[in-house]
Protein backbone atom coordinates (compact mmCIF):
# COMPACT_ATOMS: atom_id res chain seq x y z
CA MET A 1 10.16 -1.94 14.87
CA ILE A 2 6.70 -1.81 13.27
CA VAL A 3 6.70 -1.25 9.52
CA GLU A 4 3.50 0.16 8.06
CA ILE A 5 3.22 0.12 4.27
CA CYS A 6 1.15 2.70 2.45
CA ALA A 7 -0.64 0.35 0.04
CA ASN A 8 -2.32 1.95 -2.97
CA SER A 9 -3.66 -1.25 -4.58
CA TYR A 10 -4.43 -4.89 -3.93
CA ALA A 11 -1.00 -5.83 -5.32
CA SER A 12 0.71 -3.47 -2.85
CA ALA A 13 -1.33 -4.89 0.04
CA TYR A 14 -0.58 -8.46 -1.04
CA ASN A 15 3.17 -7.75 -1.32
CA SER A 16 3.13 -6.09 2.10
CA GLU A 17 1.65 -9.17 3.73
CA LYS A 18 3.86 -11.59 1.83
CA ALA A 19 7.01 -9.63 2.77
CA GLY A 20 6.08 -9.64 6.47
CA ALA A 21 5.08 -6.01 7.01
CA HIS A 22 3.16 -5.44 10.22
CA ARG A 23 0.33 -3.20 8.98
CA ILE A 24 -0.92 -1.33 5.92
CA GLU A 25 -2.58 2.01 5.38
CA LEU A 26 -4.89 1.31 2.46
CA CYS A 27 -5.56 4.19 0.09
CA SER A 28 -5.73 5.14 -3.57
CA GLU A 29 -3.92 7.73 -5.71
CA LEU A 30 -0.58 8.36 -4.04
CA THR A 31 0.04 11.02 -6.71
CA VAL A 32 -2.21 13.36 -4.72
CA GLY A 33 -1.15 12.18 -1.28
CA GLY A 34 -3.78 9.45 -1.05
CA ILE A 35 -7.57 9.38 -0.99
CA THR A 36 -10.15 6.92 0.36
CA PRO A 37 -9.90 3.53 -1.38
CA SER A 38 -12.87 2.12 -3.23
CA PHE A 39 -15.35 -0.25 -1.59
CA GLY A 40 -14.22 -3.00 -3.96
CA LEU A 41 -10.54 -2.61 -3.09
CA LEU A 42 -11.19 -2.51 0.65
CA LYS A 43 -13.46 -5.55 0.51
CA GLN A 44 -10.96 -7.51 -1.59
CA VAL A 45 -8.10 -6.78 0.81
CA VAL A 46 -10.01 -7.50 4.01
CA GLU A 47 -11.54 -10.73 2.71
CA ASN A 48 -8.37 -12.18 1.20
CA LEU A 49 -5.50 -10.95 3.37
CA LYS A 50 -4.73 -11.21 7.08
CA ILE A 51 -2.51 -8.14 7.49
CA PRO A 52 -4.05 -5.41 9.72
CA VAL A 53 -5.70 -2.75 7.56
CA PHE A 54 -5.94 0.91 8.49
CA VAL A 55 -8.07 2.84 6.00
CA LEU A 56 -7.35 6.37 4.80
CA ILE A 57 -10.50 8.47 4.98
CA ARG A 58 -9.96 11.46 2.70
CA PRO A 59 -12.85 12.13 0.28
CA ARG A 60 -10.85 14.12 -2.28
CA SER A 61 -7.47 15.61 -3.04
CA GLY A 62 -6.58 19.23 -2.27
CA ASN A 63 -6.92 20.76 1.15
CA PHE A 64 -8.17 19.19 4.38
CA THR A 65 -11.06 21.57 5.06
CA TYR A 66 -14.35 19.92 4.19
CA SER A 67 -17.94 20.91 3.52
CA ASP A 68 -20.79 19.44 5.56
CA VAL A 69 -21.56 17.02 2.72
CA GLU A 70 -17.92 15.91 2.46
CA PHE A 71 -17.77 15.42 6.22
CA ASP A 72 -20.89 13.26 6.06
CA ILE A 73 -19.25 11.20 3.29
CA MET A 74 -16.23 10.67 5.54
CA LYS A 75 -18.43 9.34 8.34
CA LYS A 76 -20.19 7.00 5.93
CA ASP A 77 -16.81 5.70 4.72
CA ILE A 78 -15.71 5.09 8.31
CA ALA A 79 -18.91 3.15 9.00
CA LEU A 80 -18.34 1.05 5.88
CA SER A 81 -14.71 0.38 6.82
CA LYS A 82 -15.76 -0.79 10.28
CA GLU A 83 -18.47 -2.98 8.82
CA LEU A 84 -15.98 -4.65 6.47
CA GLY A 85 -13.62 -5.45 9.34
CA CYS A 86 -10.69 -3.05 9.07
CA GLN A 87 -8.50 -2.46 12.14
CA GLY A 88 -8.16 1.32 12.20
CA ILE A 89 -8.91 4.68 10.57
CA VAL A 90 -6.50 7.32 9.28
CA SER A 91 -8.03 10.77 8.83
CA GLY A 92 -8.30 14.32 10.13
CA VAL A 93 -9.72 17.77 9.45
CA LEU A 94 -8.14 21.24 9.38
CA ASN A 95 -9.64 24.70 9.73
CA LEU A 96 -9.27 27.26 6.93
CA ASP A 97 -6.07 28.55 8.60
CA ASN A 98 -4.70 24.95 8.67
CA THR A 99 -4.95 24.62 12.44
CA ILE A 100 -6.50 21.41 13.74
CA ASP A 101 -10.29 21.39 13.46
CA VAL A 102 -10.66 20.00 16.97
CA THR A 103 -14.45 19.71 16.88
CA ARG A 104 -14.70 17.73 13.66
CA THR A 105 -11.63 15.60 14.30
CA LYS A 106 -12.97 14.70 17.72
CA GLU A 107 -16.26 13.72 16.08
CA LEU A 108 -14.39 11.42 13.69
CA ILE A 109 -12.56 9.85 16.63
CA GLU A 110 -15.84 9.13 18.41
CA PHE A 111 -17.34 7.76 15.20
CA THR A 112 -14.30 5.50 14.73
CA LYS A 113 -14.50 3.87 18.18
CA PRO A 114 -13.74 1.19 19.22
CA LEU A 115 -11.09 1.22 16.48
CA PRO A 116 -7.90 3.31 16.84
CA PHE A 117 -7.74 6.65 15.03
CA VAL A 118 -4.59 8.03 13.37
CA PHE A 119 -4.28 11.69 12.38
CA HIS A 120 -2.76 11.79 8.88
CA ARG A 121 -0.25 14.07 7.17
CA ALA A 122 -2.56 17.05 7.21
CA PHE A 123 -0.48 17.57 10.35
CA ASP A 124 2.36 18.69 8.09
CA TRP A 125 0.35 21.75 7.06
CA VAL A 126 -0.28 23.12 10.56
CA PRO A 127 1.36 26.48 11.45
CA ASP A 128 2.64 25.29 14.86
CA VAL A 129 3.38 21.58 15.26
CA PHE A 130 3.55 21.66 19.05
CA VAL A 131 0.22 23.45 19.48
CA ALA A 132 -1.29 20.99 16.99
CA LEU A 133 0.25 18.00 18.73
CA GLN A 134 -1.17 19.11 22.08
CA ASP A 135 -4.59 19.53 20.46
CA LEU A 136 -4.42 15.94 19.21
CA ILE A 137 -3.30 14.66 22.61
CA ASP A 138 -6.16 16.52 24.30
CA ILE A 139 -8.83 14.94 22.09
CA GLY A 140 -7.45 11.43 22.41
CA VAL A 141 -5.53 10.78 19.19
CA LYS A 142 -3.04 7.97 19.82
CA ARG A 143 -0.89 8.22 16.67
CA VAL A 144 0.03 10.96 14.19
CA LEU A 145 1.62 10.42 10.78
CA THR A 146 4.10 13.14 9.86
CA SER A 147 7.23 13.91 7.88
CA GLY A 148 8.24 16.62 10.33
CA GLN A 149 6.88 19.22 7.89
CA GLU A 150 9.49 18.44 5.25
CA ILE A 151 9.25 16.77 1.84
CA SER A 152 10.80 13.65 3.35
CA ALA A 153 10.79 12.30 6.89
CA PHE A 154 14.56 12.03 6.74
CA GLU A 155 14.83 15.77 6.11
CA GLY A 156 12.37 16.35 8.94
CA LEU A 157 14.11 13.99 11.36
CA GLU A 158 15.20 16.71 13.80
CA THR A 159 11.65 18.04 14.07
CA LEU A 160 10.35 14.48 14.41
CA LYS A 161 12.70 13.88 17.34
CA LYS A 162 11.50 17.08 19.01
CA LEU A 163 7.90 15.99 18.52
CA LYS A 164 8.71 12.58 19.99
CA ASN A 165 10.29 14.18 23.06
CA TYR A 166 7.26 16.43 23.49
CA ALA A 167 4.81 13.56 23.02
CA LYS A 168 6.36 11.26 25.63
CA ASP A 169 3.87 8.39 26.01
CA ASP A 170 0.79 10.48 25.28
CA ILE A 171 0.81 9.96 21.50
CA THR A 172 2.91 7.96 19.03
CA ILE A 173 4.84 9.86 16.37
CA LEU A 174 4.77 7.81 13.16
CA PRO A 175 7.45 9.07 10.73
CA GLY A 176 6.37 8.86 7.12
CA GLY A 177 7.31 10.39 3.80
CA CYS A 178 9.95 9.06 1.38
CA ILE A 179 11.45 6.62 3.88
CA THR A 180 13.76 4.32 1.93
CA LEU A 181 15.78 1.15 2.31
CA GLU A 182 18.83 3.34 2.83
CA ASN A 183 17.54 5.64 5.58
CA ALA A 184 15.00 3.48 7.47
CA ILE A 185 17.61 2.45 10.05
CA LYS A 186 18.10 6.13 11.00
CA PHE A 187 14.61 6.21 12.49
CA LYS A 188 15.24 3.12 14.59
CA GLN A 189 18.51 4.64 15.79
CA ALA A 190 16.61 7.80 16.71
CA GLY A 191 14.31 5.78 18.97
CA PHE A 192 11.18 5.53 16.83
CA ASN A 193 9.18 2.32 17.21
CA GLU A 194 7.21 2.61 13.95
CA ILE A 195 7.75 3.87 10.41
CA HIS A 196 5.42 4.42 7.44
CA CYS A 197 6.62 3.97 3.85
CA SER A 198 5.44 2.81 0.43
CA LEU A 199 8.71 1.42 -1.03
CA THR A 200 7.14 1.78 -4.46
CA GLU A 201 8.68 0.27 -7.57
CA PHE A 202 7.53 1.75 -10.87
CA LYS A 203 6.94 -0.52 -13.83
CA SER A 204 6.69 0.99 -17.29
CA SER A 205 3.70 0.23 -19.48
CA LYS A 206 4.34 -1.72 -22.66
CA TYR A 207 2.82 1.03 -24.80
CA SER A 208 3.11 4.80 -24.47
CA PRO A 209 -0.25 6.62 -24.65
CA LYS A 210 -0.86 9.30 -27.28
CA ILE A 211 -2.22 11.67 -24.64
CA LYS A 212 -1.77 11.82 -20.90
CA MET A 213 -4.69 11.57 -18.49
CA ASN A 214 -2.87 13.39 -15.66
CA SER A 215 -3.88 17.03 -15.27
CA ASP A 216 -1.28 19.50 -14.01
CA THR A 217 -4.13 21.88 -13.13
CA HIS A 218 -5.73 19.40 -10.76
CA PHE A 219 -2.43 18.76 -8.98
CA ASP A 220 -2.42 22.34 -7.62
CA GLU A 221 -3.23 21.97 -3.89
CA THR A 222 -3.94 25.69 -3.55
CA ARG A 223 -7.06 25.31 -5.72
CA LEU A 224 -10.05 23.02 -5.42
CA GLY A 225 -11.65 21.94 -8.69
CA ILE A 226 -15.45 21.64 -8.68
CA SER A 227 -17.87 21.28 -11.59
CA ASP A 228 -19.39 24.77 -11.91
CA LEU A 229 -23.18 25.16 -11.62
CA ASN A 230 -23.41 28.14 -13.94
CA LYS A 231 -21.12 26.62 -16.58
CA ILE A 232 -23.23 23.45 -16.62
CA LYS A 233 -26.41 25.49 -17.03
CA ALA A 234 -24.81 27.59 -19.78
CA LEU A 235 -23.64 24.53 -21.69
CA LEU A 236 -27.05 22.88 -21.49
CA LYS A 237 -28.65 26.09 -22.73
CA SER A 238 -26.16 26.39 -25.57
CA ILE A 239 -27.03 22.96 -26.98
CA SER A 240 -30.76 23.02 -26.34
């Protein structure tokens, strides 16, 4: 069984290789579901480790519907990832109604070639998983990462098995989301050939900060925070 580790840092990538994991999905900021890793992190991992690296291409947190500029950034990040020598890309785009944006996702697939393309957990937001899965099959996606539309893949196991039966050999269902030491065997018993997990251990800092840098407001996935043009103008005017 292939074990893919969701690695959010060089230390996570290093531990994945040292432990014998088969592949990593390299990203940053798991607190928001992962975003594209920095150039420095990607370069450090690719140059110093031998484990296959699939790179998450997600330019920001929040939803999976992107502006033209954001989409261009995604393509630039894919080009950079290919140039640095990664082995695959993990990405995807949704429409405003959370259906698969077939046109843009297909464009990302073409831009990714000859590397394999994985559709990420935006799949867990789609209104109909079977319609979405067929869309991905039709445009040539070979693997989709999903929890079966539940908080954890274990809770979504029945849906995952239905997706696997539907997929046959046309696309690989990659279960991911809170897979643990205790429940990983359940996915092998259910006939899955791959799993995705982070197996994160949290280490406390020596000192507690006086204020927290995390923002509850920015963790709201129903809202997208953008620096406001008019507010910036007003502030500049107020101090001029």
